[in-house]
Amino acid sequence: FFAGDTGYNQKHFFAIRDRLKSVGRVIDLALLPIGCFSPEWFQRDFHMSPDDAVAAHRDLGALKSVSIHFETFQLAEESPREATDRLVDAKKRRGLQLHEFVTLSPGDHVVLKSL
C-alpha cells in the first residue's frame, strides 16, 4: 500500500483495510509518510505526523510499514531529524516492535523477501 502524500483520516484507513479484508487480502507492506507535518495545526489535513503514521499503520492492519516523505528537502518547520525521532517515540508509546515500522536513511535500500 502506498499512502502517497496525505493527511491522517482514520475513517479512510479503516475503509481501505476493510475493503481489502472483504476480498481476503491484508496489507503486507505500507509506505507511509512521516514528514512535512509542522506546524501541525496547518499541515494536519495534508501531511501525517509520525504519530499519525503509526496510527495509520495500525488502522490499515499492515504487517510492516516503511516511512517515506521525510529528510530529503526542508519543506516545513520541523528539524531535519524530528520526524524520525518522533517516529521512534510513537512506536514505543504504541507498543510497536522496531521492525514493524522501519525507517531508511536517504539512499538506503532494503531487500524484501516474501512477507
N, C-alpha and C. Protein backbone atom coordinates (compact mmCIF):
# COMPACT_ATOMS: atom_id res chain seq x y z
N PHE A 1 0.84 -1.17 0.00
CA PHE A 1 0.00 0.00 0.00
C PHE A 1 0.88 1.23 0.00
N PHE A 2 0.64 2.15 -0.91
CA PHE A 2 1.38 3.41 -0.99
C PHE A 2 0.44 4.54 -0.61
N ALA A 3 0.68 5.15 0.54
CA ALA A 3 -0.21 6.22 1.02
C ALA A 3 0.00 7.51 0.26
N GLY A 4 1.13 7.67 -0.40
CA GLY A 4 1.39 8.92 -1.10
C GLY A 4 1.64 10.04 -0.12
N ASP A 5 1.13 11.20 -0.44
CA ASP A 5 1.32 12.41 0.36
C ASP A 5 -0.05 12.78 0.90
N THR A 6 -0.35 12.36 2.12
CA THR A 6 -1.71 12.50 2.62
C THR A 6 -1.75 12.87 4.09
N GLY A 7 -2.86 13.43 4.50
CA GLY A 7 -3.12 13.65 5.92
C GLY A 7 -3.75 12.41 6.52
N TYR A 8 -3.85 12.39 7.83
CA TYR A 8 -4.42 11.23 8.52
C TYR A 8 -5.94 11.33 8.56
N ASN A 9 -6.59 10.23 8.22
CA ASN A 9 -8.04 10.14 8.32
C ASN A 9 -8.37 8.69 8.68
N GLN A 10 -8.67 8.46 9.93
CA GLN A 10 -8.92 7.10 10.42
C GLN A 10 -10.01 6.40 9.62
N LYS A 11 -11.07 7.12 9.30
CA LYS A 11 -12.19 6.53 8.56
C LYS A 11 -11.72 5.97 7.21
N HIS A 12 -10.88 6.71 6.52
CA HIS A 12 -10.39 6.25 5.22
C HIS A 12 -9.47 5.04 5.34
N PHE A 13 -8.59 5.06 6.34
CA PHE A 13 -7.68 3.92 6.51
C PHE A 13 -8.44 2.66 6.91
N PHE A 14 -9.46 2.81 7.77
CA PHE A 14 -10.30 1.66 8.11
C PHE A 14 -11.03 1.14 6.87
N ALA A 15 -11.51 2.05 6.03
CA ALA A 15 -12.23 1.64 4.81
C ALA A 15 -11.32 0.86 3.87
N ILE A 16 -10.07 1.30 3.75
CA ILE A 16 -9.11 0.59 2.90
C ILE A 16 -8.86 -0.81 3.46
N ARG A 17 -8.61 -0.88 4.77
CA ARG A 17 -8.38 -2.19 5.41
C ARG A 17 -9.58 -3.11 5.21
N ASP A 18 -10.78 -2.58 5.46
CA ASP A 18 -11.99 -3.40 5.37
C ASP A 18 -12.27 -3.85 3.93
N ARG A 19 -11.99 -2.98 2.98
CA ARG A 19 -12.20 -3.35 1.56
C ARG A 19 -11.28 -4.50 1.17
N LEU A 20 -10.02 -4.40 1.55
CA LEU A 20 -9.08 -5.49 1.25
C LEU A 20 -9.46 -6.77 1.99
N LYS A 21 -9.84 -6.62 3.24
CA LYS A 21 -10.24 -7.78 4.04
C LYS A 21 -11.44 -8.50 3.42
N SER A 22 -12.35 -7.73 2.81
CA SER A 22 -13.56 -8.32 2.21
C SER A 22 -13.24 -9.21 1.02
N VAL A 23 -12.06 -9.05 0.44
CA VAL A 23 -11.65 -9.91 -0.68
C VAL A 23 -10.49 -10.83 -0.27
N GLY A 24 -10.34 -11.01 1.05
CA GLY A 24 -9.35 -11.95 1.56
C GLY A 24 -7.92 -11.48 1.51
N ARG A 25 -7.70 -10.18 1.52
CA ARG A 25 -6.34 -9.64 1.44
C ARG A 25 -5.99 -8.84 2.69
N VAL A 26 -4.70 -8.74 2.95
CA VAL A 26 -4.18 -7.86 4.00
C VAL A 26 -3.07 -7.03 3.38
N ILE A 27 -2.69 -5.97 4.07
CA ILE A 27 -1.59 -5.15 3.60
C ILE A 27 -0.30 -5.72 4.17
N ASP A 28 0.50 -6.29 3.29
CA ASP A 28 1.80 -6.83 3.70
C ASP A 28 2.79 -5.71 4.01
N LEU A 29 2.78 -4.67 3.17
CA LEU A 29 3.73 -3.57 3.30
C LEU A 29 3.04 -2.26 3.00
N ALA A 30 3.15 -1.31 3.92
CA ALA A 30 2.60 0.03 3.74
C ALA A 30 3.74 1.04 3.69
N LEU A 31 3.71 1.92 2.71
CA LEU A 31 4.65 3.03 2.62
C LEU A 31 3.92 4.27 3.11
N LEU A 32 4.33 4.78 4.28
CA LEU A 32 3.58 5.83 4.96
C LEU A 32 4.45 7.07 5.17
N PRO A 33 3.93 8.26 4.83
CA PRO A 33 4.70 9.50 5.02
C PRO A 33 4.79 9.90 6.48
N ILE A 34 5.95 10.45 6.87
CA ILE A 34 6.13 10.89 8.25
C ILE A 34 6.63 12.34 8.34
N GLY A 35 6.88 13.01 7.22
CA GLY A 35 7.48 14.33 7.26
C GLY A 35 6.58 15.44 6.77
N CYS A 36 7.09 16.66 6.90
CA CYS A 36 6.41 17.88 6.46
C CYS A 36 5.10 18.07 7.23
N PHE A 37 5.16 17.90 8.56
CA PHE A 37 3.96 17.94 9.39
C PHE A 37 3.85 19.16 10.30
N SER A 38 4.87 20.01 10.30
CA SER A 38 4.89 21.13 11.23
C SER A 38 4.79 22.46 10.49
N PRO A 39 3.94 23.36 10.95
CA PRO A 39 3.12 23.28 12.16
C PRO A 39 1.91 22.37 11.94
N GLU A 40 1.64 21.55 12.93
CA GLU A 40 0.58 20.55 12.79
C GLU A 40 -0.80 21.17 12.61
N TRP A 41 -1.07 22.32 13.21
CA TRP A 41 -2.38 22.94 13.05
C TRP A 41 -2.65 23.26 11.58
N PHE A 42 -1.60 23.52 10.82
CA PHE A 42 -1.74 23.87 9.41
C PHE A 42 -1.60 22.65 8.49
N GLN A 43 -0.68 21.76 8.80
CA GLN A 43 -0.34 20.65 7.91
C GLN A 43 -1.22 19.41 8.09
N ARG A 44 -1.94 19.28 9.19
CA ARG A 44 -2.61 18.00 9.51
C ARG A 44 -3.55 17.49 8.44
N ASP A 45 -4.15 18.36 7.66
CA ASP A 45 -5.05 17.90 6.59
C ASP A 45 -4.29 17.42 5.36
N PHE A 46 -2.99 17.74 5.27
CA PHE A 46 -2.21 17.45 4.07
C PHE A 46 -1.08 16.46 4.28
N HIS A 47 -0.54 16.42 5.52
CA HIS A 47 0.61 15.57 5.81
C HIS A 47 0.45 14.90 7.16
N MET A 48 0.79 13.63 7.24
CA MET A 48 0.73 12.91 8.51
C MET A 48 1.96 13.21 9.35
N SER A 49 1.77 13.30 10.64
CA SER A 49 2.89 13.35 11.58
C SER A 49 3.36 11.92 11.81
N PRO A 50 4.52 11.74 12.43
CA PRO A 50 4.95 10.39 12.77
C PRO A 50 3.92 9.65 13.64
N ASP A 51 3.29 10.35 14.57
CA ASP A 51 2.25 9.74 15.40
C ASP A 51 1.07 9.27 14.54
N ASP A 52 0.69 10.11 13.58
CA ASP A 52 -0.39 9.74 12.66
C ASP A 52 -0.01 8.52 11.83
N ALA A 53 1.24 8.46 11.39
CA ALA A 53 1.68 7.33 10.56
C ALA A 53 1.62 6.02 11.34
N VAL A 54 1.97 6.06 12.62
CA VAL A 54 1.86 4.85 13.44
C VAL A 54 0.38 4.46 13.59
N ALA A 55 -0.48 5.45 13.78
CA ALA A 55 -1.92 5.16 13.86
C ALA A 55 -2.41 4.58 12.54
N ALA A 56 -1.96 5.12 11.41
CA ALA A 56 -2.36 4.60 10.10
C ALA A 56 -1.89 3.16 9.92
N HIS A 57 -0.66 2.88 10.34
CA HIS A 57 -0.12 1.52 10.28
C HIS A 57 -1.08 0.56 11.00
N ARG A 58 -1.50 0.95 12.20
CA ARG A 58 -2.42 0.12 12.98
C ARG A 58 -3.80 0.04 12.31
N ASP A 59 -4.32 1.19 11.87
CA ASP A 59 -5.65 1.23 11.25
C ASP A 59 -5.71 0.35 10.00
N LEU A 60 -4.64 0.37 9.23
CA LEU A 60 -4.59 -0.42 7.99
C LEU A 60 -4.40 -1.91 8.27
N GLY A 61 -3.91 -2.23 9.47
CA GLY A 61 -3.60 -3.62 9.77
C GLY A 61 -2.38 -4.10 9.00
N ALA A 62 -1.49 -3.17 8.67
CA ALA A 62 -0.29 -3.51 7.89
C ALA A 62 0.63 -4.43 8.69
N LEU A 63 1.20 -5.41 8.02
CA LEU A 63 2.14 -6.30 8.68
C LEU A 63 3.48 -5.61 8.89
N LYS A 64 3.85 -4.73 7.96
CA LYS A 64 5.10 -3.98 8.04
C LYS A 64 4.89 -2.65 7.35
N SER A 65 5.55 -1.59 7.85
CA SER A 65 5.49 -0.28 7.22
C SER A 65 6.89 0.28 7.07
N VAL A 66 7.05 1.11 6.03
CA VAL A 66 8.29 1.83 5.78
C VAL A 66 7.94 3.31 5.69
N SER A 67 8.71 4.14 6.38
CA SER A 67 8.45 5.57 6.35
C SER A 67 8.96 6.18 5.04
N ILE A 68 8.20 7.16 4.54
CA ILE A 68 8.58 7.91 3.34
C ILE A 68 8.32 9.39 3.58
N HIS A 69 8.72 10.23 2.64
CA HIS A 69 8.41 11.66 2.63
C HIS A 69 9.01 12.37 3.84
N PHE A 70 10.33 12.28 4.01
CA PHE A 70 11.00 12.96 5.12
C PHE A 70 12.48 13.13 4.80
N GLU A 71 13.10 14.17 5.39
CA GLU A 71 14.54 14.44 5.38
C GLU A 71 15.19 14.74 4.03
N THR A 72 14.49 14.65 2.94
CA THR A 72 15.13 14.92 1.65
C THR A 72 15.27 16.42 1.41
N PHE A 73 14.18 17.16 1.65
CA PHE A 73 14.17 18.61 1.49
C PHE A 73 13.54 19.23 2.73
N GLN A 74 13.96 20.44 3.08
CA GLN A 74 13.35 21.16 4.20
C GLN A 74 12.06 21.81 3.68
N LEU A 75 10.93 21.19 3.94
CA LEU A 75 9.65 21.66 3.42
C LEU A 75 8.73 22.26 4.48
N ALA A 76 9.05 22.05 5.74
CA ALA A 76 8.18 22.52 6.81
C ALA A 76 9.04 22.97 7.98
N GLU A 77 8.41 23.22 9.11
CA GLU A 77 9.11 23.79 10.25
C GLU A 77 9.84 22.78 11.14
N GLU A 78 9.60 21.48 10.96
CA GLU A 78 10.29 20.53 11.84
C GLU A 78 11.78 20.47 11.49
N SER A 79 12.57 20.12 12.50
CA SER A 79 14.02 20.00 12.28
C SER A 79 14.29 18.77 11.41
N PRO A 80 15.47 18.68 10.81
CA PRO A 80 15.75 17.56 9.89
C PRO A 80 15.55 16.17 10.50
N ARG A 81 15.85 15.95 11.76
CA ARG A 81 15.74 14.63 12.38
C ARG A 81 14.45 14.45 13.20
N GLU A 82 13.64 15.48 13.27
CA GLU A 82 12.46 15.42 14.15
C GLU A 82 11.49 14.31 13.76
N ALA A 83 11.27 14.12 12.47
CA ALA A 83 10.31 13.09 12.03
C ALA A 83 10.75 11.70 12.48
N THR A 84 12.02 11.37 12.28
CA THR A 84 12.48 10.04 12.65
C THR A 84 12.54 9.87 14.16
N ASP A 85 12.94 10.92 14.87
CA ASP A 85 12.97 10.84 16.34
C ASP A 85 11.56 10.66 16.89
N ARG A 86 10.61 11.39 16.35
CA ARG A 86 9.22 11.26 16.82
C ARG A 86 8.61 9.92 16.44
N LEU A 87 9.05 9.36 15.30
CA LEU A 87 8.55 8.05 14.93
C LEU A 87 9.01 6.99 15.93
N VAL A 88 10.25 7.05 16.35
CA VAL A 88 10.76 6.11 17.35
C VAL A 88 9.94 6.22 18.63
N ASP A 89 9.67 7.45 19.07
CA ASP A 89 8.87 7.66 20.28
C ASP A 89 7.45 7.13 20.12
N ALA A 90 6.84 7.41 18.96
CA ALA A 90 5.46 6.95 18.72
C ALA A 90 5.38 5.43 18.70
N LYS A 91 6.37 4.78 18.10
CA LYS A 91 6.37 3.31 18.09
C LYS A 91 6.48 2.75 19.50
N LYS A 92 7.32 3.35 20.32
CA LYS A 92 7.46 2.89 21.70
C LYS A 92 6.17 3.08 22.48
N ARG A 93 5.56 4.27 22.35
CA ARG A 93 4.33 4.56 23.09
C ARG A 93 3.20 3.63 22.70
N ARG A 94 3.14 3.23 21.44
CA ARG A 94 2.04 2.37 20.96
C ARG A 94 2.40 0.89 20.95
N GLY A 95 3.58 0.56 21.46
CA GLY A 95 3.95 -0.84 21.62
C GLY A 95 4.32 -1.57 20.34
N LEU A 96 4.76 -0.82 19.31
CA LEU A 96 5.20 -1.47 18.07
C LEU A 96 6.63 -1.95 18.23
N GLN A 97 6.92 -3.11 17.68
CA GLN A 97 8.29 -3.58 17.61
C GLN A 97 9.02 -2.73 16.57
N LEU A 98 10.29 -2.48 16.77
CA LEU A 98 11.02 -1.61 15.85
C LEU A 98 10.98 -2.12 14.41
N HIS A 99 10.96 -3.44 14.21
CA HIS A 99 10.97 -4.00 12.86
C HIS A 99 9.61 -3.90 12.17
N GLU A 100 8.54 -3.57 12.90
CA GLU A 100 7.22 -3.46 12.29
C GLU A 100 7.06 -2.21 11.43
N PHE A 101 7.80 -1.15 11.77
CA PHE A 101 7.71 0.11 11.05
C PHE A 101 9.13 0.64 10.94
N VAL A 102 9.74 0.50 9.80
CA VAL A 102 11.16 0.83 9.65
C VAL A 102 11.36 2.15 8.93
N THR A 103 12.53 2.72 9.18
CA THR A 103 12.94 3.97 8.56
C THR A 103 14.27 3.75 7.86
N LEU A 104 14.33 4.15 6.62
CA LEU A 104 15.57 4.09 5.86
C LEU A 104 16.10 5.51 5.69
N SER A 105 17.40 5.68 5.78
CA SER A 105 18.00 6.98 5.51
C SER A 105 18.02 7.21 4.01
N PRO A 106 18.01 8.47 3.58
CA PRO A 106 18.08 8.74 2.14
C PRO A 106 19.24 7.98 1.50
N GLY A 107 18.95 7.26 0.44
CA GLY A 107 19.95 6.48 -0.27
C GLY A 107 20.05 5.04 0.19
N ASP A 108 19.49 4.72 1.36
CA ASP A 108 19.50 3.34 1.84
C ASP A 108 18.55 2.48 1.01
N HIS A 109 18.72 1.19 1.15
CA HIS A 109 17.82 0.27 0.48
C HIS A 109 17.60 -0.94 1.38
N VAL A 110 16.59 -1.69 1.05
CA VAL A 110 16.31 -2.91 1.79
C VAL A 110 15.86 -3.96 0.76
N VAL A 111 16.26 -5.17 0.98
CA VAL A 111 15.83 -6.25 0.11
C VAL A 111 14.65 -6.91 0.80
N LEU A 112 13.53 -6.96 0.11
CA LEU A 112 12.34 -7.56 0.68
C LEU A 112 12.20 -8.98 0.19
N LYS A 113 12.09 -9.87 1.13
CA LYS A 113 11.80 -11.26 0.82
C LYS A 113 10.30 -11.45 0.97
N SER A 114 9.83 -12.60 0.72
CA SER A 114 8.40 -12.85 0.84
C SER A 114 7.94 -12.46 2.24
N LEU A 115 6.89 -11.65 2.28
CA LEU A 115 6.35 -11.22 3.57
C LEU A 115 5.39 -12.26 4.05
